[in-house]
PDB file of N, CA and C in Angstrom:
ATOM      1  N   UNK A   1      34.858 235.802 240.321  1.00  0.00           N
ATOM      2  CA  UNK A   1      34.350 235.227 239.596  1.00  0.00           C
ATOM      3  C   UNK A   1      32.870 235.413 239.621  1.00  0.00           C
ATOM      4  N   UNK A   2      32.427 235.342 238.647  1.00  0.00           N
ATOM      5  CA  UNK A   2      30.742 236.003 238.535  1.00  0.00           C
ATOM      6  C   UNK A   2      29.900 234.679 239.230  1.00  0.00           C
ATOM      7  N   UNK A   3      29.292 235.332 239.404  1.00  0.00           N
ATOM      8  CA  UNK A   3      28.295 234.444 240.112  1.00  0.00           C
ATOM      9  C   UNK A   3      26.527 235.381 240.058  1.00  0.00           C
ATOM     10  N   UNK A   4      25.683 234.454 238.851  1.00  0.00           N
ATOM     11  CA  UNK A   4      24.104 235.011 238.295  1.00  0.00           C
ATOM     12  C   UNK A   4      23.222 234.530 239.367  1.00  0.00           C
ATOM     13  N   UNK A   5      22.643 235.603 239.178  1.00  0.00           N
ATOM     14  CA  UNK A   5      21.460 234.895 240.272  1.00  0.00           C
ATOM     15  C   UNK A   5      19.877 235.502 239.380  1.00  0.00           C
ATOM     16  N   UNK A   6      19.296 235.085 238.587  1.00  0.00           N
ATOM     17  CA  UNK A   6      18.215 235.859 238.340  1.00  0.00           C
ATOM     18  C   UNK A   6      16.500 235.256 239.180  1.00  0.00           C
ATOM     19  N   UNK A   7      15.967 236.632 239.086  1.00  0.00           N
ATOM     20  CA  UNK A   7      14.323 236.542 239.604  1.00  0.00           C
ATOM     21  C   UNK A   7      13.305 237.129 239.447  1.00  0.00           C
ATOM     22  N   UNK A   8      12.470 236.578 239.197  1.00  0.00           N
ATOM     23  CA  UNK A   8      11.240 237.638 238.435  1.00  0.00           C
ATOM     24  C   UNK A   8      10.757 236.177 237.649  1.00  0.00           C
ATOM     25  N   UNK A   9      11.165 235.932 237.602  1.00  0.00           N
ATOM     26  CA  UNK A   9       9.931 234.327 236.506  1.00  0.00           C
ATOM     27  C   UNK A   9       8.995 233.977 237.485  1.00  0.00           C
ATOM     28  N   UNK A  10       7.782 233.490 237.071  1.00  0.00           N
ATOM     29  CA  UNK A  10       6.209 233.021 237.775  1.00  0.00           C
ATOM     30  C   UNK A  10       5.587 233.080 236.663  1.00  0.00           C
ATOM     31  N   UNK A  11       4.328 232.524 236.876  1.00  0.00           N
ATOM     32  CA  UNK A  11       2.931 233.013 236.375  1.00  0.00           C
ATOM     33  C   UNK A  11       2.214 233.663 236.085  1.00  0.00           C
ATOM     34  N   UNK A  12       2.383 233.754 234.422  1.00  0.00           N
ATOM     35  CA  UNK A  12       1.283 234.973 233.993  1.00  0.00           C
ATOM     36  C   UNK A  12       0.268 235.003 232.819  1.00  0.00           C
ATOM     37  N   UNK A  13      -1.106 235.479 232.908  1.00  0.00           N
ATOM     38  CA  UNK A  13      -1.578 234.740 231.250  1.00  0.00           C
ATOM     39  C   UNK A  13      -1.001 235.647 229.689  1.00  0.00           C
ATOM     40  N   UNK A  14      -1.630 235.211 229.427  1.00  0.00           N
ATOM     41  CA  UNK A  14      -0.891 235.479 228.331  1.00  0.00           C
ATOM     42  C   UNK A  14      -1.543 236.769 227.985  1.00  0.00           C
ATOM     43  N   UNK A  15      -0.670 237.947 226.970  1.00  0.00           N
ATOM     44  CA  UNK A  15      -0.426 239.657 227.598  1.00  0.00           C
ATOM     45  C   UNK A  15      -0.416 240.055 228.855  1.00  0.00           C
ATOM     46  N   UNK A  16      -0.033 239.254 229.461  1.00  0.00           N
ATOM     47  CA  UNK A  16       1.010 239.958 230.804  1.00  0.00           C
ATOM     48  C   UNK A  16       2.399 240.496 230.493  1.00  0.00           C
ATOM     49  N   UNK A  17       2.674 240.738 231.587  1.00  0.00           N
ATOM     50  CA  UNK A  17       4.085 242.048 231.824  1.00  0.00           C
ATOM     51  C   UNK A  17       4.905 240.892 232.866  1.00  0.00           C
ATOM     52  N   UNK A  18       6.311 241.054 232.567  1.00  0.00           N
ATOM     53  CA  UNK A  18       6.703 239.791 233.305  1.00  0.00           C
ATOM     54  C   UNK A  18       8.405 241.208 233.660  1.00  0.00           C
ATOM     55  N   UNK A  19       8.782 241.330 234.819  1.00  0.00           N
ATOM     56  CA  UNK A  19      10.180 241.800 234.425  1.00  0.00           C
ATOM     57  C   UNK A  19      11.224 240.971 235.288  1.00  0.00           C
ATOM     58  N   UNK A  20      12.787 240.828 234.551  1.00  0.00           N
ATOM     59  CA  UNK A  20      13.514 239.533 235.150  1.00  0.00           C
ATOM     60  C   UNK A  20      14.195 240.331 235.522  1.00  0.00           C
ATOM     61  N   UNK A  21      15.320 239.778 236.619  1.00  0.00           N
ATOM     62  CA  UNK A  21      16.560 240.523 237.517  1.00  0.00           C
ATOM     63  C   UNK A  21      17.246 239.568 237.595  1.00  0.00           C
ATOM     64  N   UNK A  22      19.040 240.010 236.995  1.00  0.00           N
ATOM     65  CA  UNK A  22      19.972 238.987 237.479  1.00  0.00           C
ATOM     66  C   UNK A  22      21.160 240.260 237.791  1.00  0.00           C
ATOM     67  N   UNK A  23      21.627 239.476 239.440  1.00  0.00           N
ATOM     68  CA  UNK A  23      22.370 240.267 240.389  1.00  0.00           C
ATOM     69  C   UNK A  23      23.867 239.409 240.143  1.00  0.00           C
ATOM     70  N   UNK A  24      24.902 240.203 239.974  1.00  0.00           N
ATOM     71  CA  UNK A  24      26.095 239.620 239.772  1.00  0.00           C
ATOM     72  C   UNK A  24      26.585 239.662 241.345  1.00  0.00           C
ATOM     73  N   UNK A  25      26.934 238.523 241.577  1.00  0.00           N
ATOM     74  CA  UNK A  25      27.357 238.895 242.814  1.00  0.00           C
ATOM     75  C   UNK A  25      29.078 238.254 243.253  1.00  0.00           C
ATOM     76  N   UNK A  26      29.599 237.900 242.317  1.00  0.00           N
ATOM     77  CA  UNK A  26      30.394 237.640 242.637  1.00  0.00           C
ATOM     78  C   UNK A  26      31.479 238.745 242.350  1.00  0.00           C
ATOM     79  N   UNK A  27      31.479 239.511 241.493  1.00  0.00           N
ATOM     80  CA  UNK A  27      32.119 240.443 240.659  1.00  0.00           C
ATOM     81  C   UNK A  27      31.249 241.208 240.398  1.00  0.00           C
ATOM     82  N   UNK A  28      31.693 243.032 239.702  1.00  0.00           N
ATOM     83  CA  UNK A  28      31.237 243.346 239.047  1.00  0.00           C
ATOM     84  C   UNK A  28      31.479 242.896 238.073  1.00  0.00           C
ATOM     85  N   UNK A  29      29.837 243.002 236.971  1.00  0.00           N
ATOM     86  CA  UNK A  29      29.717 242.529 235.569  1.00  0.00           C
ATOM     87  C   UNK A  29      30.703 243.867 234.182  1.00  0.00           C
ATOM     88  N   UNK A  30      30.791 245.317 234.539  1.00  0.00           N
ATOM     89  CA  UNK A  30      30.313 246.699 234.128  1.00  0.00           C
ATOM     90  C   UNK A  30      32.443 246.128 233.538  1.00  0.00           C
ATOM     91  N   UNK A  31      32.176 246.783 232.367  1.00  0.00           N
ATOM     92  CA  UNK A  31      33.133 246.460 230.935  1.00  0.00           C
ATOM     93  C   UNK A  31      32.826 244.996 230.500  1.00  0.00           C
ATOM     94  N   UNK A  32      31.518 244.194 229.967  1.00  0.00           N
ATOM     95  CA  UNK A  32      31.217 242.792 229.618  1.00  0.00           C
ATOM     96  C   UNK A  32      29.550 242.891 228.904  1.00  0.00           C
ATOM     97  N   UNK A  33      29.726 242.639 228.104  1.00  0.00           N
ATOM     98  CA  UNK A  33      28.680 242.236 227.433  1.00  0.00           C
ATOM     99  C   UNK A  33      27.663 241.630 228.321  1.00  0.00           C
ATOM    100  N   UNK A  34      26.104 241.625 228.190  1.00  0.00           N
ATOM    101  CA  UNK A  34      25.478 240.770 229.097  1.00  0.00           C
ATOM    102  C   UNK A  34      23.975 240.356 228.043  1.00  0.00           C
ATOM    103  N   UNK A  35      23.615 239.103 228.539  1.00  0.00           N
ATOM    104  CA  UNK A  35      22.035 238.642 227.648  1.00  0.00           C
ATOM    105  C   UNK A  35      21.631 237.475 228.397  1.00  0.00           C
ATOM    106  N   UNK A  36      20.355 237.848 228.138  1.00  0.00           N
ATOM    107  CA  UNK A  36      19.269 236.602 228.499  1.00  0.00           C
ATOM    108  C   UNK A  36      18.986 235.827 227.320  1.00  0.00           C
ATOM    109  N   UNK A  37      19.246 234.171 227.511  1.00  0.00           N
ATOM    110  CA  UNK A  37      18.582 233.155 226.935  1.00  0.00           C
ATOM    111  C   UNK A  37      17.704 232.893 227.515  1.00  0.00           C
ATOM    112  N   UNK A  38      16.929 231.980 226.906  1.00  0.00           N
ATOM    113  CA  UNK A  38      16.027 230.830 227.415  1.00  0.00           C
ATOM    114  C   UNK A  38      15.824 229.879 226.716  1.00  0.00           C
ATOM    115  N   UNK A  39      15.165 228.110 227.742  1.00  0.00           N
ATOM    116  CA  UNK A  39      15.645 227.169 227.093  1.00  0.00           C
ATOM    117  C   UNK A  39      13.501 226.423 227.140  1.00  0.00           C
ATOM    118  N   UNK A  40      13.893 225.695 226.887  1.00  0.00           N
ATOM    119  CA  UNK A  40      12.144 224.422 226.795  1.00  0.00           C
ATOM    120  C   UNK A  40      12.673 222.896 226.859  1.00  0.00           C
ATOM    121  N   UNK A  41      12.438 222.232 227.478  1.00  0.00           N
ATOM    122  CA  UNK A  41      12.375 220.708 227.380  1.00  0.00           C
ATOM    123  C   UNK A  41      13.066 220.515 225.640  1.00  0.00           C
ATOM    124  N   UNK A  42      13.760 220.005 225.422  1.00  0.00           N
ATOM    125  CA  UNK A  42      14.259 219.156 224.371  1.00  0.00           C
ATOM    126  C   UNK A  42      14.892 220.546 223.621  1.00  0.00           C
ATOM    127  N   UNK A  43      15.031 221.601 223.791  1.00  0.00           N
ATOM    128  CA  UNK A  43      15.289 222.258 222.372  1.00  0.00           C
ATOM    129  C   UNK A  43      17.174 223.053 223.339  1.00  0.00           C
ATOM    130  N   UNK A  44      17.440 223.781 221.955  1.00  0.00           N
ATOM    131  CA  UNK A  44      18.610 224.321 222.224  1.00  0.00           C
ATOM    132  C   UNK A  44      17.879 225.722 223.362  1.00  0.00           C
ATOM    133  N   UNK A  45      19.451 226.203 224.309  1.00  0.00           N
ATOM    134  CA  UNK A  45      19.268 227.264 224.289  1.00  0.00           C
ATOM    135  C   UNK A  45      18.644 228.566 223.089  1.00  0.00           C
ATOM    136  N   UNK A  46      18.270 229.519 223.650  1.00  0.00           N
ATOM    137  CA  UNK A  46      17.309 230.210 222.501  1.00  0.00           C
ATOM    138  C   UNK A  46      18.424 231.449 223.218  1.00  0.00           C
ATOM    139  N   UNK A  47      18.451 232.644 221.966  1.00  0.00           N
ATOM    140  CA  UNK A  47      19.486 234.234 222.302  1.00  0.00           C
ATOM    141  C   UNK A  47      17.705 234.682 222.169  1.00  0.00           C
ATOM    142  N   UNK A  48      17.670 235.634 223.039  1.00  0.00           N
ATOM    143  CA  UNK A  48      16.643 236.313 223.783  1.00  0.00           C
ATOM    144  C   UNK A  48      17.299 238.152 223.431  1.00  0.00           C
ATOM    145  N   UNK A  49      18.122 238.405 224.435  1.00  0.00           N
ATOM    146  CA  UNK A  49      18.048 239.808 223.909  1.00  0.00           C
ATOM    147  C   UNK A  49      19.909 239.393 224.251  1.00  0.00           C
ATOM    148  N   UNK A  50      20.750 240.332 223.944  1.00  0.00           N
ATOM    149  CA  UNK A  50      22.123 241.341 224.654  1.00  0.00           C
ATOM    150  C   UNK A  50      21.874 242.737 224.776  1.00  0.00           C
ATOM    151  N   UNK A  51      22.883 242.893 225.617  1.00  0.00           N
ATOM    152  CA  UNK A  51      23.357 244.481 225.825  1.00  0.00           C
ATOM    153  C   UNK A  51      24.792 244.898 226.011  1.00  0.00           C
ATOM    154  N   UNK A  52      25.005 246.059 225.549  1.00  0.00           N
ATOM    155  CA  UNK A  52      26.461 246.210 225.796  1.00  0.00           C
ATOM    156  C   UNK A  52      27.045 246.301 226.508  1.00  0.00           C
ATOM    157  N   UNK A  53      28.023 246.941 227.318  1.00  0.00           N
ATOM    158  CA  UNK A  53      28.487 247.145 228.355  1.00  0.00           C
ATOM    159  C   UNK A  53      28.642 248.117 228.929  1.00  0.00           C
ATOM    160  N   UNK A  54      28.223 248.788 228.721  1.00  0.00           N
ATOM    161  CA  UNK A  54      27.211 250.531 228.375  1.00  0.00           C
ATOM    162  C   UNK A  54      25.933 251.121 228.487  1.00  0.00           C
ATOM    163  N   UNK A  55      25.575 249.717 228.231  1.00  0.00           N
ATOM    164  CA  UNK A  55      24.276 249.892 227.764  1.00  0.00           C
ATOM    165  C   UNK A  55      23.770 250.674 226.716  1.00  0.00           C
ATOM    166  N   UNK A  56      24.583 250.588 226.067  1.00  0.00           N
ATOM    167  CA  UNK A  56      23.920 252.014 224.911  1.00  0.00           C
ATOM    168  C   UNK A  56      23.934 251.881 223.297  1.00  0.00           C
ATOM    169  N   UNK A  57      24.331 249.713 223.045  1.00  0.00           N
ATOM    170  CA  UNK A  57      23.561 249.080 222.277  1.00  0.00           C
ATOM    171  C   UNK A  57      23.388 247.881 223.018  1.00  0.00           C
ATOM    172  N   UNK A  58      22.208 247.287 222.007  1.00  0.00           N
ATOM    173  CA  UNK A  58      21.422 246.489 222.300  1.00  0.00           C
ATOM    174  C   UNK A  58      20.744 245.575 220.725  1.00  0.00           C
ATOM    175  N   UNK A  59      20.800 243.996 221.569  1.00  0.00           N
ATOM    176  CA  UNK A  59      20.165 243.023 220.226  1.00  0.00           C
ATOM    177  C   UNK A  59      19.372 242.227 220.781  1.00  0.00           C
ATOM    178  N   UNK A  60      18.228 242.055 219.664  1.00  0.00           N
ATOM    179  CA  UNK A  60      16.794 241.371 220.178  1.00  0.00           C
ATOM    180  C   UNK A  60      16.491 239.930 219.272  1.00  0.00           C
ATOM    181  N   UNK A  61      16.097 238.766 219.239  1.00  0.00           N
ATOM    182  CA  UNK A  61      15.839 237.924 218.317  1.00  0.00           C
ATOM    183  C   UNK A  61      14.361 238.535 217.982  1.00  0.00           C
ATOM    184  N   UNK A  62      14.531 238.385 216.907  1.00  0.00           N
ATOM    185  CA  UNK A  62      13.306 238.694 215.613  1.00  0.00           C
ATOM    186  C   UNK A  62      11.867 238.532 216.721  1.00  0.00           C
ATOM    187  N   UNK A  63      11.762 236.820 217.402  1.00  0.00           N
ATOM    188  CA  UNK A  63      10.472 236.701 218.402  1.00  0.00           C
ATOM    189  C   UNK A  63      10.048 237.777 219.106  1.00  0.00           C
ATOM    190  N   UNK A  64      10.753 238.158 219.609  1.00  0.00           N
ATOM    191  CA  UNK A  64      10.329 238.947 221.018  1.00  0.00           C
ATOM    192  C   UNK A  64      11.081 240.799 220.637  1.00  0.00           C
ATOM    193  N   UNK A  65      11.090 241.385 219.421  1.00  0.00           N
ATOM    194  CA  UNK A  65      11.433 242.443 219.232  1.00  0.00           C
ATOM    195  C   UNK A  65      10.375 243.183 219.120  1.00  0.00           C
ATOM    196  N   UNK A  66      10.246 244.445 220.152  1.00  0.00           N
ATOM    197  CA  UNK A  66       9.397 245.354 219.883  1.00  0.00           C
ATOM    198  C   UNK A  66       8.431 244.721 221.528  1.00  0.00           C
ATOM    199  N   UNK A  67       8.841 243.633 222.110  1.00  0.00           N
ATOM    200  CA  UNK A  67       7.448 242.949 223.124  1.00  0.00           C
ATOM    201  C   UNK A  67       8.891 243.288 224.602  1.00  0.00           C
ATOM    202  N   UNK A  68       9.976 243.223 224.675  1.00  0.00           N
ATOM    203  CA  UNK A  68      10.879 242.787 225.669  1.00  0.00           C
ATOM    204  C   UNK A  68      12.114 243.926 225.468  1.00  0.00           C
ATOM    205  N   UNK A  69      12.548 244.139 226.460  1.00  0.00           N
ATOM    206  CA  UNK A  69      13.558 245.092 226.413  1.00  0.00           C
ATOM    207  C   UNK A  69      14.607 245.210 228.174  1.00  0.00           C
ATOM    208  N   UNK A  70      15.310 245.072 227.384  1.00  0.00           N
ATOM    209  CA  UNK A  70      16.840 244.767 228.150  1.00  0.00           C
ATOM    210  C   UNK A  70      17.510 246.059 228.450  1.00  0.00           C
ATOM    211  N   UNK A  71      17.896 245.660 230.008  1.00  0.00           N
ATOM    212  CA  UNK A  71      18.325 247.046 230.569  1.00  0.00           C
ATOM    213  C   UNK A  71      19.608 246.462 231.235  1.00  0.00           C
ATOM    214  N   UNK A  72      20.172 247.399 231.968  1.00  0.00           N
ATOM    215  CA  UNK A  72      20.997 247.247 233.306  1.00  0.00           C
ATOM    216  C   UNK A  72      21.610 248.409 234.080  1.00  0.00           C
ATOM    217  N   UNK A  73      21.927 247.998 235.206  1.00  0.00           N
ATOM    218  CA  UNK A  73      22.136 249.036 236.162  1.00  0.00           C
ATOM    219  C   UNK A  73      23.492 249.049 236.865  1.00  0.00           C
ATOM    220  N   UNK A  74      24.666 249.022 236.010  1.00  0.00           N
ATOM    221  CA  UNK A  74      26.189 249.070 235.869  1.00  0.00           C
ATOM    222  C   UNK A  74      26.532 248.765 238.053  1.00  0.00           C
ATOM    223  N   UNK A  75      25.907 249.963 238.013  1.00  0.00           N
ATOM    224  CA  UNK A  75      26.427 250.598 240.021  1.00  0.00           C
ATOM    225  C   UNK A  75      25.831 249.531 240.773  1.00  0.00           C
ATOM    226  N   UNK A  76      24.905 248.794 240.302  1.00  0.00           N
ATOM    227  CA  UNK A  76      23.405 247.597 241.352  1.00  0.00           C
ATOM    228  C   UNK A  76      23.874 246.273 240.953  1.00  0.00           C
ATOM    229  N   UNK A  77      24.823 246.011 239.966  1.00  0.00           N
ATOM    230  CA  UNK A  77      25.728 244.729 239.063  1.00  0.00           C
ATOM    231  C   UNK A  77      23.917 244.379 238.470  1.00  0.00           C
ATOM    232  N   UNK A  78      23.165 244.852 238.356  1.00  0.00           N
ATOM    233  CA  UNK A  78      21.962 244.040 237.932  1.00  0.00           C
ATOM    234  C   UNK A  78      21.559 244.156 236.124  1.00  0.00           C
ATOM    235  N   UNK A  79      21.111 243.534 236.124  1.00  0.00           N
ATOM    236  CA  UNK A  79      20.829 243.259 234.592  1.00  0.00           C
ATOM    237  C   UNK A  79      18.767 242.602 234.741  1.00  0.00           C
ATOM    238  N   UNK A  80      18.339 243.864 234.204  1.00  0.00           N
ATOM    239  CA  UNK A  80      16.996 243.308 233.673  1.00  0.00           C
ATOM    240  C   UNK A  80      16.831 242.414 231.940  1.00  0.00           C
ATOM    241  N   UNK A  81      15.339 242.447 232.195  1.00  0.00           N
ATOM    242  CA  UNK A  81      14.442 241.962 231.182  1.00  0.00           C
ATOM    243  C   UNK A  81      12.680 242.207 231.682  1.00  0.00           C
ATOM    244  N   UNK A  82      12.806 243.252 230.917  1.00  0.00           N
ATOM    245  CA  UNK A  82      11.270 243.846 230.616  1.00  0.00           C
ATOM    246  C   UNK A  82       9.932 242.726 229.756  1.00  0.00           C
ATOM    247  N   UNK A  83       9.653 241.923 229.836  1.00  0.00           N
ATOM    248  CA  UNK A  83       8.532 241.423 228.697  1.00  0.00           C
ATOM    249  C   UNK A  83       7.149 241.541 229.206  1.00  0.00           C
ATOM    250  N   UNK A  84       7.402 242.328 227.948  1.00  0.00           N
ATOM    251  CA  UNK A  84       5.420 242.821 227.964  1.00  0.00           C
ATOM    252  C   UNK A  84       4.771 241.611 226.283  1.00  0.00           C
ATOM    253  N   UNK A  85       3.394 241.537 227.044  1.00  0.00           N
ATOM    254  CA  UNK A  85       2.877 241.103 225.213  1.00  0.00           C
ATOM    255  C   UNK A  85       3.230 239.933 225.194  1.00  0.00           C
ATOM    256  N   UNK A  86       3.531 239.001 226.581  1.00  0.00           N
ATOM    257  CA  UNK A  86       3.941 237.498 226.288  1.00  0.00           C
ATOM    258  C   UNK A  86       2.657 236.971 225.302  1.00  0.00           C
ATOM    259  N   UNK A  87       3.351 235.309 225.163  1.00  0.00           N
ATOM    260  CA  UNK A  87       2.765 234.594 225.036  1.00  0.00           C
ATOM    261  C   UNK A  87       3.009 233.428 224.524  1.00  0.00           C
ATOM    262  N   UNK A  88       2.287 232.691 225.268  1.00  0.00           N
ATOM    263  CA  UNK A  88       2.996 231.167 225.706  1.00  0.00           C
ATOM    264  C   UNK A  88       3.828 229.865 225.063  1.00  0.00           C
ATOM    265  N   UNK A  89       4.297 231.185 223.838  1.00  0.00           N
ATOM    266  CA  UNK A  89       5.369 230.452 223.249  1.00  0.00           C
ATOM    267  C   UNK A  89       6.528 231.263 223.943  1.00  0.00           C
ATOM    268  N   UNK A  90       6.619 231.855 225.335  1.00  0.00           N
ATOM    269  CA  UNK A  90       7.684 233.089 224.921  1.00  0.00           C
ATOM    270  C   UNK A  90       8.172 231.797 226.548  1.00  0.00           C
ATOM    271  N   UNK A  91       6.631 230.915 226.785  1.00  0.00           N
ATOM    272  CA  UNK A  91       7.379 230.697 228.332  1.00  0.00           C
ATOM    273  C   UNK A  91       8.994 229.630 227.774  1.00  0.00           C
ATOM    274  N   UNK A  92       9.577 229.824 229.403  1.00  0.00           N
ATOM    275  CA  UNK A  92      10.224 228.943 228.709  1.00  0.00           C
ATOM    276  C   UNK A  92      11.661 228.763 230.380  1.00  0.00           C
ATOM    277  N   UNK A  93      12.384 228.254 230.229  1.00  0.00           N
ATOM    278  CA  UNK A  93      13.448 228.536 231.855  1.00  0.00           C
ATOM    279  C   UNK A  93      14.625 229.823 230.993  1.00  0.00           C
ATOM    280  N   UNK A  94      14.125 230.620 231.617  1.00  0.00           N
ATOM    281  CA  UNK A  94      14.938 232.193 230.960  1.00  0.00           C
ATOM    282  C   UNK A  94      16.766 232.279 231.989  1.00  0.00           C
ATOM    283  N   UNK A  95      18.247 232.660 231.412  1.00  0.00           N
ATOM    284  CA  UNK A  95      19.027 232.410 231.886  1.00  0.00           C
ATOM    285  C   UNK A  95      19.185 233.528 232.039  1.00  0.00           C
ATOM    286  N   UNK A  96      20.262 234.794 232.463  1.00  0.00           N
ATOM    287  CA  UNK A  96      21.072 235.366 232.002  1.00  0.00           C
ATOM    288  C   UNK A  96      22.540 235.071 231.794  1.00  0.00           C
ATOM    289  N   UNK A  97      22.977 235.848 231.766  1.00  0.00           N
ATOM    290  CA  UNK A  97      24.379 235.346 231.043  1.00  0.00           C
ATOM    291  C   UNK A  97      25.861 236.410 230.842  1.00  0.00           C
ATOM    292  N   UNK A  98      27.288 236.495 231.143  1.00  0.00           N
ATOM    293  CA  UNK A  98      27.493 237.561 231.094  1.00  0.00           C
ATOM    294  C   UNK A  98      28.896 236.783 229.617  1.00  0.00           C
ATOM    295  N   UNK A  99      29.277 237.616 229.133  1.00  0.00           N
ATOM    296  CA  UNK A  99      30.446 237.204 227.930  1.00  0.00           C
ATOM    297  C   UNK A  99      31.384 236.683 228.576  1.00  0.00           C
ATOM    298  N   UNK A 100      32.228 235.807 228.055  1.00  0.00           N
ATOM    299  CA  UNK A 100      33.634 235.922 227.884  1.00  0.00           C
ATOM    300  C   UNK A 100      34.222 237.201 227.870  1.00  0.00           C
ATOM    301  N   UNK A 101      34.467 237.367 227.356  1.00  0.00           N
ATOM    302  CA  UNK A 101      35.815 238.357 226.874  1.00  0.00           C
ATOM    303  C   UNK A 101      34.145 239.782 226.286  1.00  0.00           C
ATOM    304  N   UNK A 102      35.690 240.715 225.839  1.00  0.00           N
ATOM    305  CA  UNK A 102      34.471 242.514 225.188  1.00  0.00           C
ATOM    306  C   UNK A 102      35.351 242.114 224.430  1.00  0.00           C
ATOM    307  N   UNK A 103      33.665 241.875 223.901  1.00  0.00           N
ATOM    308  CA  UNK A 103      33.417 241.978 221.999  1.00  0.00           C
ATOM    309  C   UNK A 103      33.502 243.124 221.118  1.00  0.00           C
ATOM    310  N   UNK A 104      33.583 243.253 220.148  1.00  0.00           N
ATOM    311  CA  UNK A 104      33.780 244.450 219.423  1.00  0.00           C
ATOM    312  C   UNK A 104      32.377 244.667 218.799  1.00  0.00           C
ATOM    313  N   UNK A 105      31.580 243.477 218.727  1.00  0.00           N
ATOM    314  CA  UNK A 105      30.299 243.653 218.294  1.00  0.00           C
ATOM    315  C   UNK A 105      29.262 243.622 219.829  1.00  0.00           C
ATOM    316  N   UNK A 106      27.902 243.244 219.082  1.00  0.00           N
ATOM    317  CA  UNK A 106      27.386 242.412 220.828  1.00  0.00           C
ATOM    318  C   UNK A 106      27.239 241.452 220.361  1.00  0.00           C
ATOM    319  N   UNK A 107      28.121 239.877 221.445  1.00  0.00           N
ATOM    320  CA  UNK A 107      28.051 238.701 221.365  1.00  0.00           C
ATOM    321  C   UNK A 107      26.377 238.390 221.138  1.00  0.00           C
ATOM    322  N   UNK A 108      25.868 237.259 220.511  1.00  0.00           N
ATOM    323  CA  UNK A 108      24.531 237.012 220.601  1.00  0.00           C
ATOM    324  C   UNK A 108      24.480 235.141 220.856  1.00  0.00           C
ATOM    325  N   UNK A 109      25.817 234.127 220.602  1.00  0.00           N
ATOM    326  CA  UNK A 109      25.349 232.683 220.504  1.00  0.00           C
ATOM    327  C   UNK A 109      25.782 232.424 222.025  1.00  0.00           C
ATOM    328  N   UNK A 110      25.183 231.514 222.343  1.00  0.00           N
ATOM    329  CA  UNK A 110      25.801 230.702 223.853  1.00  0.00           C
ATOM    330  C   UNK A 110      27.004 230.502 223.965  1.00  0.00           C
ATOM    331  N   UNK A 111      27.811 230.422 222.867  1.00  0.00           N
ATOM    332  CA  UNK A 111      29.266 230.114 223.252  1.00  0.00           C
ATOM    333  C   UNK A 111      30.344 231.623 223.516  1.00  0.00           C
ATOM    334  N   UNK A 112      29.517 232.733 223.261  1.00  0.00           N
ATOM    335  CA  UNK A 112      30.322 234.305 223.327  1.00  0.00           C
ATOM    336  C   UNK A 112      30.207 234.108 224.884  1.00  0.00           C
ATOM    337  N   UNK A 113      29.133 233.418 225.804  1.00  0.00           N
ATOM    338  CA  UNK A 113      28.885 233.960 227.068  1.00  0.00           C
ATOM    339  C   UNK A 113      29.421 233.092 227.264  1.00  0.00           C
ATOM    340  N   UNK A 114      30.205 233.165 228.619  1.00  0.00           N
ATOM    341  CA  UNK A 114      30.839 231.999 230.307  1.00  0.00           C
ATOM    342  C   UNK A 114      30.836 232.040 231.119  1.00  0.00           C
ATOM    343  N   UNK A 115      30.346 233.283 231.652  1.00  0.00           N
ATOM    344  CA  UNK A 115      28.775 233.082 233.001  1.00  0.00           C
ATOM    345  C   UNK A 115      27.546 232.538 232.613  1.00  0.00           C
ATOM    346  N   UNK A 116      27.091 231.853 233.771  1.00  0.00           N
ATOM    347  CA  UNK A 116      25.632 231.629 233.605  1.00  0.00           C
ATOM    348  C   UNK A 116      24.917 231.710 235.138  1.00  0.00           C
ATOM    349  N   UNK A 117      23.630 231.862 234.767  1.00  0.00           N
ATOM    350  CA  UNK A 117      22.870 232.032 236.050  1.00  0.00           C
ATOM    351  C   UNK A 117      22.260 230.663 236.397  1.00  0.00           C
ATOM    352  N   UNK A 118      21.121 230.048 237.213  1.00  0.00           N
ATOM    353  CA  UNK A 118      20.378 228.889 237.249  1.00  0.00           C
ATOM    354  C   UNK A 118      19.634 229.478 236.469  1.00  0.00           C
ATOM    355  N   UNK A 119      19.026 230.073 236.123  1.00  0.00           N
ATOM    356  CA  UNK A 119      17.810 230.124 235.300  1.00  0.00           C
ATOM    357  C   UNK A 119      16.237 230.336 236.221  1.00  0.00           C
ATOM    358  N   UNK A 120      15.493 231.607 235.736  1.00  0.00           N
ATOM    359  CA  UNK A 120      14.311 231.370 236.336  1.00  0.00           C
ATOM    360  C   UNK A 120      12.762 231.637 235.576  1.00  0.00           C
ATOM    361  N   UNK A 121      11.935 230.482 235.230  1.00  0.00           N
ATOM    362  CA  UNK A 121      10.927 229.884 235.048  1.00  0.00           C
ATOM    363  C   UNK A 121       9.370 230.667 234.804  1.00  0.00           C
ATOM    364  N   UNK A 122       9.973 230.810 233.423  1.00  0.00           N
ATOM    365  CA  UNK A 122       8.606 231.817 233.313  1.00  0.00           C
ATOM    366  C   UNK A 122       7.288 230.962 232.505  1.00  0.00           C
ATOM    367  N   UNK A 123       5.851 231.302 232.844  1.00  0.00           N
ATOM    368  CA  UNK A 123       5.272 230.492 233.020  1.00  0.00           C
ATOM    369  C   UNK A 123       4.254 231.501 232.202  1.00  0.00           C
ATOM    370  N   UNK A 124       3.363 231.216 231.049  1.00  0.00           N
ATOM    371  CA  UNK A 124       2.694 231.731 230.323  1.00  0.00           C
ATOM    372  C   UNK A 124       1.154 230.892 229.832  1.00  0.00           C
ATOM    373  N   UNK A 125       0.268 231.514 230.341  1.00  0.00           N
ATOM    374  CA  UNK A 125      -0.623 230.504 230.824  1.00  0.00           C
ATOM    375  C   UNK A 125      -1.718 230.713 229.207  1.00  0.00           C
ATOM    376  N   UNK A 126      -2.154 230.453 228.377  1.00  0.00           N
ATOM    377  CA  UNK A 126      -3.010 230.987 227.320  1.00  0.00           C
ATOM    378  C   UNK A 126      -4.854 231.603 227.345  1.00  0.00           C
TER     379      UNK A 126
END
């Protein structure tokens, strides 16, 4: 069973950086794409970034392209999200997720992901 735990959230000034981590303590997630999503109060969960199981392919939301970088270390069962040039609009609860199955292309819809972490809060002050 996949058990995902995110860490690394916190308070940062606009323009600053944070790195989120997500550890799968339940089973290895090698073989499955992984993703990051975010959600603010009253809004739907929003896709941020996803990465193939090999790490060779990535996909980003337009709003974070060029600022965020997703990566993974399968030997450590860990997923990362490096967030640079943070803006107040980036403030949200960030969730990592594991894909439901092996997809031909990188999944990006919330329904494509079957396991979720509990989330980590990112706050960006202006």
